Amino acid sequence: SVIESHMSIEEEDIKNYSPGMNID
């Protein structure tokens, strides 16, 4: 559950990612 919770957030965030973009 801990892992999947973070994964779901990452998968939403990555939809707005562009190659070369800085990531916090």
PDBML (XML) file of the C-alpha atoms, coordinates in Angstrom:
<?xml version="1.0" encoding="UTF-8" ?>
<PDBx:datablock datablockName="MODEL"
   xmlns:PDBx="http://pdbml.pdb.org/schema/pdbx-v50.xsd"
   xmlns:xsi="http://www.w3.org/2001/XMLSchema-instance"
   xsi:schemaLocation="http://pdbml.pdb.org/schema/pdbx-v50.xsd pdbx-v50.xsd">
   <PDBx:atom_siteCategory>
      <PDBx:atom_site id="1">
         <PDBx:B_iso_or_equiv>0.00</PDBx:B_iso_or_equiv>
         <PDBx:Cartn_x>0.000</PDBx:Cartn_x>
         <PDBx:Cartn_y>0.000</PDBx:Cartn_y>
         <PDBx:Cartn_z>0.000</PDBx:Cartn_z>
         <PDBx:auth_asym_id>A</PDBx:auth_asym_id>
         <PDBx:auth_atom_id>CA</PDBx:auth_atom_id>
         <PDBx:auth_comp_id>SER</PDBx:auth_comp_id>
         <PDBx:auth_seq_id>1</PDBx:auth_seq_id>
         <PDBx:group_PDB>ATOM</PDBx:group_PDB>
         <PDBx:label_alt_id xsi:nil="true" />
         <PDBx:label_asym_id>A</PDBx:label_asym_id>
         <PDBx:label_atom_id>CA</PDBx:label_atom_id>
         <PDBx:label_comp_id>SER</PDBx:label_comp_id>
         <PDBx:label_entity_id>1</PDBx:label_entity_id>
         <PDBx:label_seq_id>1</PDBx:label_seq_id>
         <PDBx:occupancy>1.00</PDBx:occupancy>
         <PDBx:pdbx_PDB_model_num>1</PDBx:pdbx_PDB_model_num>
         <PDBx:type_symbol>C</PDBx:type_symbol>
      </PDBx:atom_site>
      <PDBx:atom_site id="2">
         <PDBx:B_iso_or_equiv>0.00</PDBx:B_iso_or_equiv>
         <PDBx:Cartn_x>2.843</PDBx:Cartn_x>
         <PDBx:Cartn_y>2.408</PDBx:Cartn_y>
         <PDBx:Cartn_z>0.855</PDBx:Cartn_z>
         <PDBx:auth_asym_id>A</PDBx:auth_asym_id>
         <PDBx:auth_atom_id>CA</PDBx:auth_atom_id>
         <PDBx:auth_comp_id>VAL</PDBx:auth_comp_id>
         <PDBx:auth_seq_id>2</PDBx:auth_seq_id>
         <PDBx:group_PDB>ATOM</PDBx:group_PDB>
         <PDBx:label_alt_id xsi:nil="true" />
         <PDBx:label_asym_id>A</PDBx:label_asym_id>
         <PDBx:label_atom_id>CA</PDBx:label_atom_id>
         <PDBx:label_comp_id>VAL</PDBx:label_comp_id>
         <PDBx:label_entity_id>1</PDBx:label_entity_id>
         <PDBx:label_seq_id>2</PDBx:label_seq_id>
         <PDBx:occupancy>1.00</PDBx:occupancy>
         <PDBx:pdbx_PDB_model_num>1</PDBx:pdbx_PDB_model_num>
         <PDBx:type_symbol>C</PDBx:type_symbol>
      </PDBx:atom_site>
      <PDBx:atom_site id="3">
         <PDBx:B_iso_or_equiv>0.00</PDBx:B_iso_or_equiv>
         <PDBx:Cartn_x>4.581</PDBx:Cartn_x>
         <PDBx:Cartn_y>1.652</PDBx:Cartn_y>
         <PDBx:Cartn_z>-2.436</PDBx:Cartn_z>
         <PDBx:auth_asym_id>A</PDBx:auth_asym_id>
         <PDBx:auth_atom_id>CA</PDBx:auth_atom_id>
         <PDBx:auth_comp_id>ILE</PDBx:auth_comp_id>
         <PDBx:auth_seq_id>3</PDBx:auth_seq_id>
         <PDBx:group_PDB>ATOM</PDBx:group_PDB>
         <PDBx:label_alt_id xsi:nil="true" />
         <PDBx:label_asym_id>A</PDBx:label_asym_id>
         <PDBx:label_atom_id>CA</PDBx:label_atom_id>
         <PDBx:label_comp_id>ILE</PDBx:label_comp_id>
         <PDBx:label_entity_id>1</PDBx:label_entity_id>
         <PDBx:label_seq_id>3</PDBx:label_seq_id>
         <PDBx:occupancy>1.00</PDBx:occupancy>
         <PDBx:pdbx_PDB_model_num>1</PDBx:pdbx_PDB_model_num>
         <PDBx:type_symbol>C</PDBx:type_symbol>
      </PDBx:atom_site>
      <PDBx:atom_site id="4">
         <PDBx:B_iso_or_equiv>0.00</PDBx:B_iso_or_equiv>
         <PDBx:Cartn_x>1.455</PDBx:Cartn_x>
         <PDBx:Cartn_y>1.795</PDBx:Cartn_y>
         <PDBx:Cartn_z>-4.605</PDBx:Cartn_z>
         <PDBx:auth_asym_id>A</PDBx:auth_asym_id>
         <PDBx:auth_atom_id>CA</PDBx:auth_atom_id>
         <PDBx:auth_comp_id>GLU</PDBx:auth_comp_id>
         <PDBx:auth_seq_id>4</PDBx:auth_seq_id>
         <PDBx:group_PDB>ATOM</PDBx:group_PDB>
         <PDBx:label_alt_id xsi:nil="true" />
         <PDBx:label_asym_id>A</PDBx:label_asym_id>
         <PDBx:label_atom_id>CA</PDBx:label_atom_id>
         <PDBx:label_comp_id>GLU</PDBx:label_comp_id>
         <PDBx:label_entity_id>1</PDBx:label_entity_id>
         <PDBx:label_seq_id>4</PDBx:label_seq_id>
         <PDBx:occupancy>1.00</PDBx:occupancy>
         <PDBx:pdbx_PDB_model_num>1</PDBx:pdbx_PDB_model_num>
         <PDBx:type_symbol>C</PDBx:type_symbol>
      </PDBx:atom_site>
      <PDBx:atom_site id="5">
         <PDBx:B_iso_or_equiv>0.00</PDBx:B_iso_or_equiv>
         <PDBx:Cartn_x>0.375</PDBx:Cartn_x>
         <PDBx:Cartn_y>5.088</PDBx:Cartn_y>
         <PDBx:Cartn_z>-3.039</PDBx:Cartn_z>
         <PDBx:auth_asym_id>A</PDBx:auth_asym_id>
         <PDBx:auth_atom_id>CA</PDBx:auth_atom_id>
         <PDBx:auth_comp_id>SER</PDBx:auth_comp_id>
         <PDBx:auth_seq_id>5</PDBx:auth_seq_id>
         <PDBx:group_PDB>ATOM</PDBx:group_PDB>
         <PDBx:label_alt_id xsi:nil="true" />
         <PDBx:label_asym_id>A</PDBx:label_asym_id>
         <PDBx:label_atom_id>CA</PDBx:label_atom_id>
         <PDBx:label_comp_id>SER</PDBx:label_comp_id>
         <PDBx:label_entity_id>1</PDBx:label_entity_id>
         <PDBx:label_seq_id>5</PDBx:label_seq_id>
         <PDBx:occupancy>1.00</PDBx:occupancy>
         <PDBx:pdbx_PDB_model_num>1</PDBx:pdbx_PDB_model_num>
         <PDBx:type_symbol>C</PDBx:type_symbol>
      </PDBx:atom_site>
      <PDBx:atom_site id="6">
         <PDBx:B_iso_or_equiv>0.00</PDBx:B_iso_or_equiv>
         <PDBx:Cartn_x>3.623</PDBx:Cartn_x>
         <PDBx:Cartn_y>6.739</PDBx:Cartn_y>
         <PDBx:Cartn_z>-4.126</PDBx:Cartn_z>
         <PDBx:auth_asym_id>A</PDBx:auth_asym_id>
         <PDBx:auth_atom_id>CA</PDBx:auth_atom_id>
         <PDBx:auth_comp_id>HIS</PDBx:auth_comp_id>
         <PDBx:auth_seq_id>6</PDBx:auth_seq_id>
         <PDBx:group_PDB>ATOM</PDBx:group_PDB>
         <PDBx:label_alt_id xsi:nil="true" />
         <PDBx:label_asym_id>A</PDBx:label_asym_id>
         <PDBx:label_atom_id>CA</PDBx:label_atom_id>
         <PDBx:label_comp_id>HIS</PDBx:label_comp_id>
         <PDBx:label_entity_id>1</PDBx:label_entity_id>
         <PDBx:label_seq_id>6</PDBx:label_seq_id>
         <PDBx:occupancy>1.00</PDBx:occupancy>
         <PDBx:pdbx_PDB_model_num>1</PDBx:pdbx_PDB_model_num>
         <PDBx:type_symbol>C</PDBx:type_symbol>
      </PDBx:atom_site>
      <PDBx:atom_site id="7">
         <PDBx:B_iso_or_equiv>0.00</PDBx:B_iso_or_equiv>
         <PDBx:Cartn_x>3.472</PDBx:Cartn_x>
         <PDBx:Cartn_y>5.087</PDBx:Cartn_y>
         <PDBx:Cartn_z>-7.517</PDBx:Cartn_z>
         <PDBx:auth_asym_id>A</PDBx:auth_asym_id>
         <PDBx:auth_atom_id>CA</PDBx:auth_atom_id>
         <PDBx:auth_comp_id>MET</PDBx:auth_comp_id>
         <PDBx:auth_seq_id>7</PDBx:auth_seq_id>
         <PDBx:group_PDB>ATOM</PDBx:group_PDB>
         <PDBx:label_alt_id xsi:nil="true" />
         <PDBx:label_asym_id>A</PDBx:label_asym_id>
         <PDBx:label_atom_id>CA</PDBx:label_atom_id>
         <PDBx:label_comp_id>MET</PDBx:label_comp_id>
         <PDBx:label_entity_id>1</PDBx:label_entity_id>
         <PDBx:label_seq_id>7</PDBx:label_seq_id>
         <PDBx:occupancy>1.00</PDBx:occupancy>
         <PDBx:pdbx_PDB_model_num>1</PDBx:pdbx_PDB_model_num>
         <PDBx:type_symbol>C</PDBx:type_symbol>
      </PDBx:atom_site>
      <PDBx:atom_site id="8">
         <PDBx:B_iso_or_equiv>0.00</PDBx:B_iso_or_equiv>
         <PDBx:Cartn_x>0.023</PDBx:Cartn_x>
         <PDBx:Cartn_y>6.513</PDBx:Cartn_y>
         <PDBx:Cartn_z>-8.216</PDBx:Cartn_z>
         <PDBx:auth_asym_id>A</PDBx:auth_asym_id>
         <PDBx:auth_atom_id>CA</PDBx:auth_atom_id>
         <PDBx:auth_comp_id>SER</PDBx:auth_comp_id>
         <PDBx:auth_seq_id>8</PDBx:auth_seq_id>
         <PDBx:group_PDB>ATOM</PDBx:group_PDB>
         <PDBx:label_alt_id xsi:nil="true" />
         <PDBx:label_asym_id>A</PDBx:label_asym_id>
         <PDBx:label_atom_id>CA</PDBx:label_atom_id>
         <PDBx:label_comp_id>SER</PDBx:label_comp_id>
         <PDBx:label_entity_id>1</PDBx:label_entity_id>
         <PDBx:label_seq_id>8</PDBx:label_seq_id>
         <PDBx:occupancy>1.00</PDBx:occupancy>
         <PDBx:pdbx_PDB_model_num>1</PDBx:pdbx_PDB_model_num>
         <PDBx:type_symbol>C</PDBx:type_symbol>
      </PDBx:atom_site>
      <PDBx:atom_site id="9">
         <PDBx:B_iso_or_equiv>0.00</PDBx:B_iso_or_equiv>
         <PDBx:Cartn_x>1.294</PDBx:Cartn_x>
         <PDBx:Cartn_y>10.020</PDBx:Cartn_y>
         <PDBx:Cartn_z>-7.442</PDBx:Cartn_z>
         <PDBx:auth_asym_id>A</PDBx:auth_asym_id>
         <PDBx:auth_atom_id>CA</PDBx:auth_atom_id>
         <PDBx:auth_comp_id>ILE</PDBx:auth_comp_id>
         <PDBx:auth_seq_id>9</PDBx:auth_seq_id>
         <PDBx:group_PDB>ATOM</PDBx:group_PDB>
         <PDBx:label_alt_id xsi:nil="true" />
         <PDBx:label_asym_id>A</PDBx:label_asym_id>
         <PDBx:label_atom_id>CA</PDBx:label_atom_id>
         <PDBx:label_comp_id>ILE</PDBx:label_comp_id>
         <PDBx:label_entity_id>1</PDBx:label_entity_id>
         <PDBx:label_seq_id>9</PDBx:label_seq_id>
         <PDBx:occupancy>1.00</PDBx:occupancy>
         <PDBx:pdbx_PDB_model_num>1</PDBx:pdbx_PDB_model_num>
         <PDBx:type_symbol>C</PDBx:type_symbol>
      </PDBx:atom_site>
      <PDBx:atom_site id="10">
         <PDBx:B_iso_or_equiv>0.00</PDBx:B_iso_or_equiv>
         <PDBx:Cartn_x>4.354</PDBx:Cartn_x>
         <PDBx:Cartn_y>9.537</PDBx:Cartn_y>
         <PDBx:Cartn_z>-9.672</PDBx:Cartn_z>
         <PDBx:auth_asym_id>A</PDBx:auth_asym_id>
         <PDBx:auth_atom_id>CA</PDBx:auth_atom_id>
         <PDBx:auth_comp_id>GLU</PDBx:auth_comp_id>
         <PDBx:auth_seq_id>10</PDBx:auth_seq_id>
         <PDBx:group_PDB>ATOM</PDBx:group_PDB>
         <PDBx:label_alt_id xsi:nil="true" />
         <PDBx:label_asym_id>A</PDBx:label_asym_id>
         <PDBx:label_atom_id>CA</PDBx:label_atom_id>
         <PDBx:label_comp_id>GLU</PDBx:label_comp_id>
         <PDBx:label_entity_id>1</PDBx:label_entity_id>
         <PDBx:label_seq_id>10</PDBx:label_seq_id>
         <PDBx:occupancy>1.00</PDBx:occupancy>
         <PDBx:pdbx_PDB_model_num>1</PDBx:pdbx_PDB_model_num>
         <PDBx:type_symbol>C</PDBx:type_symbol>
      </PDBx:atom_site>
      <PDBx:atom_site id="11">
         <PDBx:B_iso_or_equiv>0.00</PDBx:B_iso_or_equiv>
         <PDBx:Cartn_x>2.242</PDBx:Cartn_x>
         <PDBx:Cartn_y>8.247</PDBx:Cartn_y>
         <PDBx:Cartn_z>-12.544</PDBx:Cartn_z>
         <PDBx:auth_asym_id>A</PDBx:auth_asym_id>
         <PDBx:auth_atom_id>CA</PDBx:auth_atom_id>
         <PDBx:auth_comp_id>GLU</PDBx:auth_comp_id>
         <PDBx:auth_seq_id>11</PDBx:auth_seq_id>
         <PDBx:group_PDB>ATOM</PDBx:group_PDB>
         <PDBx:label_alt_id xsi:nil="true" />
         <PDBx:label_asym_id>A</PDBx:label_asym_id>
         <PDBx:label_atom_id>CA</PDBx:label_atom_id>
         <PDBx:label_comp_id>GLU</PDBx:label_comp_id>
         <PDBx:label_entity_id>1</PDBx:label_entity_id>
         <PDBx:label_seq_id>11</PDBx:label_seq_id>
         <PDBx:occupancy>1.00</PDBx:occupancy>
         <PDBx:pdbx_PDB_model_num>1</PDBx:pdbx_PDB_model_num>
         <PDBx:type_symbol>C</PDBx:type_symbol>
      </PDBx:atom_site>
      <PDBx:atom_site id="12">
         <PDBx:B_iso_or_equiv>0.00</PDBx:B_iso_or_equiv>
         <PDBx:Cartn_x>0.041</PDBx:Cartn_x>
         <PDBx:Cartn_y>11.338</PDBx:Cartn_y>
         <PDBx:Cartn_z>-12.402</PDBx:Cartn_z>
         <PDBx:auth_asym_id>A</PDBx:auth_asym_id>
         <PDBx:auth_atom_id>CA</PDBx:auth_atom_id>
         <PDBx:auth_comp_id>GLU</PDBx:auth_comp_id>
         <PDBx:auth_seq_id>12</PDBx:auth_seq_id>
         <PDBx:group_PDB>ATOM</PDBx:group_PDB>
         <PDBx:label_alt_id xsi:nil="true" />
         <PDBx:label_asym_id>A</PDBx:label_asym_id>
         <PDBx:label_atom_id>CA</PDBx:label_atom_id>
         <PDBx:label_comp_id>GLU</PDBx:label_comp_id>
         <PDBx:label_entity_id>1</PDBx:label_entity_id>
         <PDBx:label_seq_id>12</PDBx:label_seq_id>
         <PDBx:occupancy>1.00</PDBx:occupancy>
         <PDBx:pdbx_PDB_model_num>1</PDBx:pdbx_PDB_model_num>
         <PDBx:type_symbol>C</PDBx:type_symbol>
      </PDBx:atom_site>
      <PDBx:atom_site id="13">
         <PDBx:B_iso_or_equiv>0.00</PDBx:B_iso_or_equiv>
         <PDBx:Cartn_x>3.035</PDBx:Cartn_x>
         <PDBx:Cartn_y>13.672</PDBx:Cartn_y>
         <PDBx:Cartn_z>-12.182</PDBx:Cartn_z>
         <PDBx:auth_asym_id>A</PDBx:auth_asym_id>
         <PDBx:auth_atom_id>CA</PDBx:auth_atom_id>
         <PDBx:auth_comp_id>ASP</PDBx:auth_comp_id>
         <PDBx:auth_seq_id>13</PDBx:auth_seq_id>
         <PDBx:group_PDB>ATOM</PDBx:group_PDB>
         <PDBx:label_alt_id xsi:nil="true" />
         <PDBx:label_asym_id>A</PDBx:label_asym_id>
         <PDBx:label_atom_id>CA</PDBx:label_atom_id>
         <PDBx:label_comp_id>ASP</PDBx:label_comp_id>
         <PDBx:label_entity_id>1</PDBx:label_entity_id>
         <PDBx:label_seq_id>13</PDBx:label_seq_id>
         <PDBx:occupancy>1.00</PDBx:occupancy>
         <PDBx:pdbx_PDB_model_num>1</PDBx:pdbx_PDB_model_num>
         <PDBx:type_symbol>C</PDBx:type_symbol>
      </PDBx:atom_site>
      <PDBx:atom_site id="14">
         <PDBx:B_iso_or_equiv>0.00</PDBx:B_iso_or_equiv>
         <PDBx:Cartn_x>4.876</PDBx:Cartn_x>
         <PDBx:Cartn_y>12.034</PDBx:Cartn_y>
         <PDBx:Cartn_z>-15.069</PDBx:Cartn_z>
         <PDBx:auth_asym_id>A</PDBx:auth_asym_id>
         <PDBx:auth_atom_id>CA</PDBx:auth_atom_id>
         <PDBx:auth_comp_id>ILE</PDBx:auth_comp_id>
         <PDBx:auth_seq_id>14</PDBx:auth_seq_id>
         <PDBx:group_PDB>ATOM</PDBx:group_PDB>
         <PDBx:label_alt_id xsi:nil="true" />
         <PDBx:label_asym_id>A</PDBx:label_asym_id>
         <PDBx:label_atom_id>CA</PDBx:label_atom_id>
         <PDBx:label_comp_id>ILE</PDBx:label_comp_id>
         <PDBx:label_entity_id>1</PDBx:label_entity_id>
         <PDBx:label_seq_id>14</PDBx:label_seq_id>
         <PDBx:occupancy>1.00</PDBx:occupancy>
         <PDBx:pdbx_PDB_model_num>1</PDBx:pdbx_PDB_model_num>
         <PDBx:type_symbol>C</PDBx:type_symbol>
      </PDBx:atom_site>
      <PDBx:atom_site id="15">
         <PDBx:B_iso_or_equiv>0.00</PDBx:B_iso_or_equiv>
         <PDBx:Cartn_x>2.035</PDBx:Cartn_x>
         <PDBx:Cartn_y>12.799</PDBx:Cartn_y>
         <PDBx:Cartn_z>-17.467</PDBx:Cartn_z>
         <PDBx:auth_asym_id>A</PDBx:auth_asym_id>
         <PDBx:auth_atom_id>CA</PDBx:auth_atom_id>
         <PDBx:auth_comp_id>LYS</PDBx:auth_comp_id>
         <PDBx:auth_seq_id>15</PDBx:auth_seq_id>
         <PDBx:group_PDB>ATOM</PDBx:group_PDB>
         <PDBx:label_alt_id xsi:nil="true" />
         <PDBx:label_asym_id>A</PDBx:label_asym_id>
         <PDBx:label_atom_id>CA</PDBx:label_atom_id>
         <PDBx:label_comp_id>LYS</PDBx:label_comp_id>
         <PDBx:label_entity_id>1</PDBx:label_entity_id>
         <PDBx:label_seq_id>15</PDBx:label_seq_id>
         <PDBx:occupancy>1.00</PDBx:occupancy>
         <PDBx:pdbx_PDB_model_num>1</PDBx:pdbx_PDB_model_num>
         <PDBx:type_symbol>C</PDBx:type_symbol>
      </PDBx:atom_site>
      <PDBx:atom_site id="16">
         <PDBx:B_iso_or_equiv>0.00</PDBx:B_iso_or_equiv>
         <PDBx:Cartn_x>3.167</PDBx:Cartn_x>
         <PDBx:Cartn_y>16.422</PDBx:Cartn_y>
         <PDBx:Cartn_z>-17.385</PDBx:Cartn_z>
         <PDBx:auth_asym_id>A</PDBx:auth_asym_id>
         <PDBx:auth_atom_id>CA</PDBx:auth_atom_id>
         <PDBx:auth_comp_id>ASN</PDBx:auth_comp_id>
         <PDBx:auth_seq_id>16</PDBx:auth_seq_id>
         <PDBx:group_PDB>ATOM</PDBx:group_PDB>
         <PDBx:label_alt_id xsi:nil="true" />
         <PDBx:label_asym_id>A</PDBx:label_asym_id>
         <PDBx:label_atom_id>CA</PDBx:label_atom_id>
         <PDBx:label_comp_id>ASN</PDBx:label_comp_id>
         <PDBx:label_entity_id>1</PDBx:label_entity_id>
         <PDBx:label_seq_id>16</PDBx:label_seq_id>
         <PDBx:occupancy>1.00</PDBx:occupancy>
         <PDBx:pdbx_PDB_model_num>1</PDBx:pdbx_PDB_model_num>
         <PDBx:type_symbol>C</PDBx:type_symbol>
      </PDBx:atom_site>
      <PDBx:atom_site id="17">
         <PDBx:B_iso_or_equiv>0.00</PDBx:B_iso_or_equiv>
         <PDBx:Cartn_x>6.843</PDBx:Cartn_x>
         <PDBx:Cartn_y>15.586</PDBx:Cartn_y>
         <PDBx:Cartn_z>-17.829</PDBx:Cartn_z>
         <PDBx:auth_asym_id>A</PDBx:auth_asym_id>
         <PDBx:auth_atom_id>CA</PDBx:auth_atom_id>
         <PDBx:auth_comp_id>TYR</PDBx:auth_comp_id>
         <PDBx:auth_seq_id>17</PDBx:auth_seq_id>
         <PDBx:group_PDB>ATOM</PDBx:group_PDB>
         <PDBx:label_alt_id xsi:nil="true" />
         <PDBx:label_asym_id>A</PDBx:label_asym_id>
         <PDBx:label_atom_id>CA</PDBx:label_atom_id>
         <PDBx:label_comp_id>TYR</PDBx:label_comp_id>
         <PDBx:label_entity_id>1</PDBx:label_entity_id>
         <PDBx:label_seq_id>17</PDBx:label_seq_id>
         <PDBx:occupancy>1.00</PDBx:occupancy>
         <PDBx:pdbx_PDB_model_num>1</PDBx:pdbx_PDB_model_num>
         <PDBx:type_symbol>C</PDBx:type_symbol>
      </PDBx:atom_site>
      <PDBx:atom_site id="18">
         <PDBx:B_iso_or_equiv>0.00</PDBx:B_iso_or_equiv>
         <PDBx:Cartn_x>8.889</PDBx:Cartn_x>
         <PDBx:Cartn_y>16.744</PDBx:Cartn_y>
         <PDBx:Cartn_z>-20.818</PDBx:Cartn_z>
         <PDBx:auth_asym_id>A</PDBx:auth_asym_id>
         <PDBx:auth_atom_id>CA</PDBx:auth_atom_id>
         <PDBx:auth_comp_id>SER</PDBx:auth_comp_id>
         <PDBx:auth_seq_id>18</PDBx:auth_seq_id>
         <PDBx:group_PDB>ATOM</PDBx:group_PDB>
         <PDBx:label_alt_id xsi:nil="true" />
         <PDBx:label_asym_id>A</PDBx:label_asym_id>
         <PDBx:label_atom_id>CA</PDBx:label_atom_id>
         <PDBx:label_comp_id>SER</PDBx:label_comp_id>
         <PDBx:label_entity_id>1</PDBx:label_entity_id>
         <PDBx:label_seq_id>18</PDBx:label_seq_id>
         <PDBx:occupancy>1.00</PDBx:occupancy>
         <PDBx:pdbx_PDB_model_num>1</PDBx:pdbx_PDB_model_num>
         <PDBx:type_symbol>C</PDBx:type_symbol>
      </PDBx:atom_site>
      <PDBx:atom_site id="19">
         <PDBx:B_iso_or_equiv>0.00</PDBx:B_iso_or_equiv>
         <PDBx:Cartn_x>12.324</PDBx:Cartn_x>
         <PDBx:Cartn_y>15.277</PDBx:Cartn_y>
         <PDBx:Cartn_z>-21.634</PDBx:Cartn_z>
         <PDBx:auth_asym_id>A</PDBx:auth_asym_id>
         <PDBx:auth_atom_id>CA</PDBx:auth_atom_id>
         <PDBx:auth_comp_id>PRO</PDBx:auth_comp_id>
         <PDBx:auth_seq_id>19</PDBx:auth_seq_id>
         <PDBx:group_PDB>ATOM</PDBx:group_PDB>
         <PDBx:label_alt_id xsi:nil="true" />
         <PDBx:label_asym_id>A</PDBx:label_asym_id>
         <PDBx:label_atom_id>CA</PDBx:label_atom_id>
         <PDBx:label_comp_id>PRO</PDBx:label_comp_id>
         <PDBx:label_entity_id>1</PDBx:label_entity_id>
         <PDBx:label_seq_id>19</PDBx:label_seq_id>
         <PDBx:occupancy>1.00</PDBx:occupancy>
         <PDBx:pdbx_PDB_model_num>1</PDBx:pdbx_PDB_model_num>
         <PDBx:type_symbol>C</PDBx:type_symbol>
      </PDBx:atom_site>
      <PDBx:atom_site id="20">
         <PDBx:B_iso_or_equiv>0.00</PDBx:B_iso_or_equiv>
         <PDBx:Cartn_x>15.044</PDBx:Cartn_x>
         <PDBx:Cartn_y>17.240</PDBx:Cartn_y>
         <PDBx:Cartn_z>-19.870</PDBx:Cartn_z>
         <PDBx:auth_asym_id>A</PDBx:auth_asym_id>
         <PDBx:auth_atom_id>CA</PDBx:auth_atom_id>
         <PDBx:auth_comp_id>GLY</PDBx:auth_comp_id>
         <PDBx:auth_seq_id>20</PDBx:auth_seq_id>
         <PDBx:group_PDB>ATOM</PDBx:group_PDB>
         <PDBx:label_alt_id xsi:nil="true" />
         <PDBx:label_asym_id>A</PDBx:label_asym_id>
         <PDBx:label_atom_id>CA</PDBx:label_atom_id>
         <PDBx:label_comp_id>GLY</PDBx:label_comp_id>
         <PDBx:label_entity_id>1</PDBx:label_entity_id>
         <PDBx:label_seq_id>20</PDBx:label_seq_id>
         <PDBx:occupancy>1.00</PDBx:occupancy>
         <PDBx:pdbx_PDB_model_num>1</PDBx:pdbx_PDB_model_num>
         <PDBx:type_symbol>C</PDBx:type_symbol>
      </PDBx:atom_site>
      <PDBx:atom_site id="21">
         <PDBx:B_iso_or_equiv>0.00</PDBx:B_iso_or_equiv>
         <PDBx:Cartn_x>12.670</PDBx:Cartn_x>
         <PDBx:Cartn_y>18.719</PDBx:Cartn_y>
         <PDBx:Cartn_z>-17.274</PDBx:Cartn_z>
         <PDBx:auth_asym_id>A</PDBx:auth_asym_id>
         <PDBx:auth_atom_id>CA</PDBx:auth_atom_id>
         <PDBx:auth_comp_id>MET</PDBx:auth_comp_id>
         <PDBx:auth_seq_id>21</PDBx:auth_seq_id>
         <PDBx:group_PDB>ATOM</PDBx:group_PDB>
         <PDBx:label_alt_id xsi:nil="true" />
         <PDBx:label_asym_id>A</PDBx:label_asym_id>
         <PDBx:label_atom_id>CA</PDBx:label_atom_id>
         <PDBx:label_comp_id>MET</PDBx:label_comp_id>
         <PDBx:label_entity_id>1</PDBx:label_entity_id>
         <PDBx:label_seq_id>21</PDBx:label_seq_id>
         <PDBx:occupancy>1.00</PDBx:occupancy>
         <PDBx:pdbx_PDB_model_num>1</PDBx:pdbx_PDB_model_num>
         <PDBx:type_symbol>C</PDBx:type_symbol>
      </PDBx:atom_site>
      <PDBx:atom_site id="22">
         <PDBx:B_iso_or_equiv>0.00</PDBx:B_iso_or_equiv>
         <PDBx:Cartn_x>14.128</PDBx:Cartn_x>
         <PDBx:Cartn_y>19.089</PDBx:Cartn_y>
         <PDBx:Cartn_z>-13.768</PDBx:Cartn_z>
         <PDBx:auth_asym_id>A</PDBx:auth_asym_id>
         <PDBx:auth_atom_id>CA</PDBx:auth_atom_id>
         <PDBx:auth_comp_id>ASN</PDBx:auth_comp_id>
         <PDBx:auth_seq_id>22</PDBx:auth_seq_id>
         <PDBx:group_PDB>ATOM</PDBx:group_PDB>
         <PDBx:label_alt_id xsi:nil="true" />
         <PDBx:label_asym_id>A</PDBx:label_asym_id>
         <PDBx:label_atom_id>CA</PDBx:label_atom_id>
         <PDBx:label_comp_id>ASN</PDBx:label_comp_id>
         <PDBx:label_entity_id>1</PDBx:label_entity_id>
         <PDBx:label_seq_id>22</PDBx:label_seq_id>
         <PDBx:occupancy>1.00</PDBx:occupancy>
         <PDBx:pdbx_PDB_model_num>1</PDBx:pdbx_PDB_model_num>
         <PDBx:type_symbol>C</PDBx:type_symbol>
      </PDBx:atom_site>
      <PDBx:atom_site id="23">
         <PDBx:B_iso_or_equiv>0.00</PDBx:B_iso_or_equiv>
         <PDBx:Cartn_x>12.453</PDBx:Cartn_x>
         <PDBx:Cartn_y>16.900</PDBx:Cartn_y>
         <PDBx:Cartn_z>-11.153</PDBx:Cartn_z>
         <PDBx:auth_asym_id>A</PDBx:auth_asym_id>
         <PDBx:auth_atom_id>CA</PDBx:auth_atom_id>
         <PDBx:auth_comp_id>ILE</PDBx:auth_comp_id>
         <PDBx:auth_seq_id>23</PDBx:auth_seq_id>
         <PDBx:group_PDB>ATOM</PDBx:group_PDB>
         <PDBx:label_alt_id xsi:nil="true" />
         <PDBx:label_asym_id>A</PDBx:label_asym_id>
         <PDBx:label_atom_id>CA</PDBx:label_atom_id>
         <PDBx:label_comp_id>ILE</PDBx:label_comp_id>
         <PDBx:label_entity_id>1</PDBx:label_entity_id>
         <PDBx:label_seq_id>23</PDBx:label_seq_id>
         <PDBx:occupancy>1.00</PDBx:occupancy>
         <PDBx:pdbx_PDB_model_num>1</PDBx:pdbx_PDB_model_num>
         <PDBx:type_symbol>C</PDBx:type_symbol>
      </PDBx:atom_site>
      <PDBx:atom_site id="24">
         <PDBx:B_iso_or_equiv>0.00</PDBx:B_iso_or_equiv>
         <PDBx:Cartn_x>12.301</PDBx:Cartn_x>
         <PDBx:Cartn_y>17.538</PDBx:Cartn_y>
         <PDBx:Cartn_z>-7.401</PDBx:Cartn_z>
         <PDBx:auth_asym_id>A</PDBx:auth_asym_id>
         <PDBx:auth_atom_id>CA</PDBx:auth_atom_id>
         <PDBx:auth_comp_id>ASP</PDBx:auth_comp_id>
         <PDBx:auth_seq_id>24</PDBx:auth_seq_id>
         <PDBx:group_PDB>ATOM</PDBx:group_PDB>
         <PDBx:label_alt_id xsi:nil="true" />
         <PDBx:label_asym_id>A</PDBx:label_asym_id>
         <PDBx:label_atom_id>CA</PDBx:label_atom_id>
         <PDBx:label_comp_id>ASP</PDBx:label_comp_id>
         <PDBx:label_entity_id>1</PDBx:label_entity_id>
         <PDBx:label_seq_id>24</PDBx:label_seq_id>
         <PDBx:occupancy>1.00</PDBx:occupancy>
         <PDBx:pdbx_PDB_model_num>1</PDBx:pdbx_PDB_model_num>
         <PDBx:type_symbol>C</PDBx:type_symbol>
      </PDBx:atom_site>
   </PDBx:atom_siteCategory>
</PDBx:datablock>
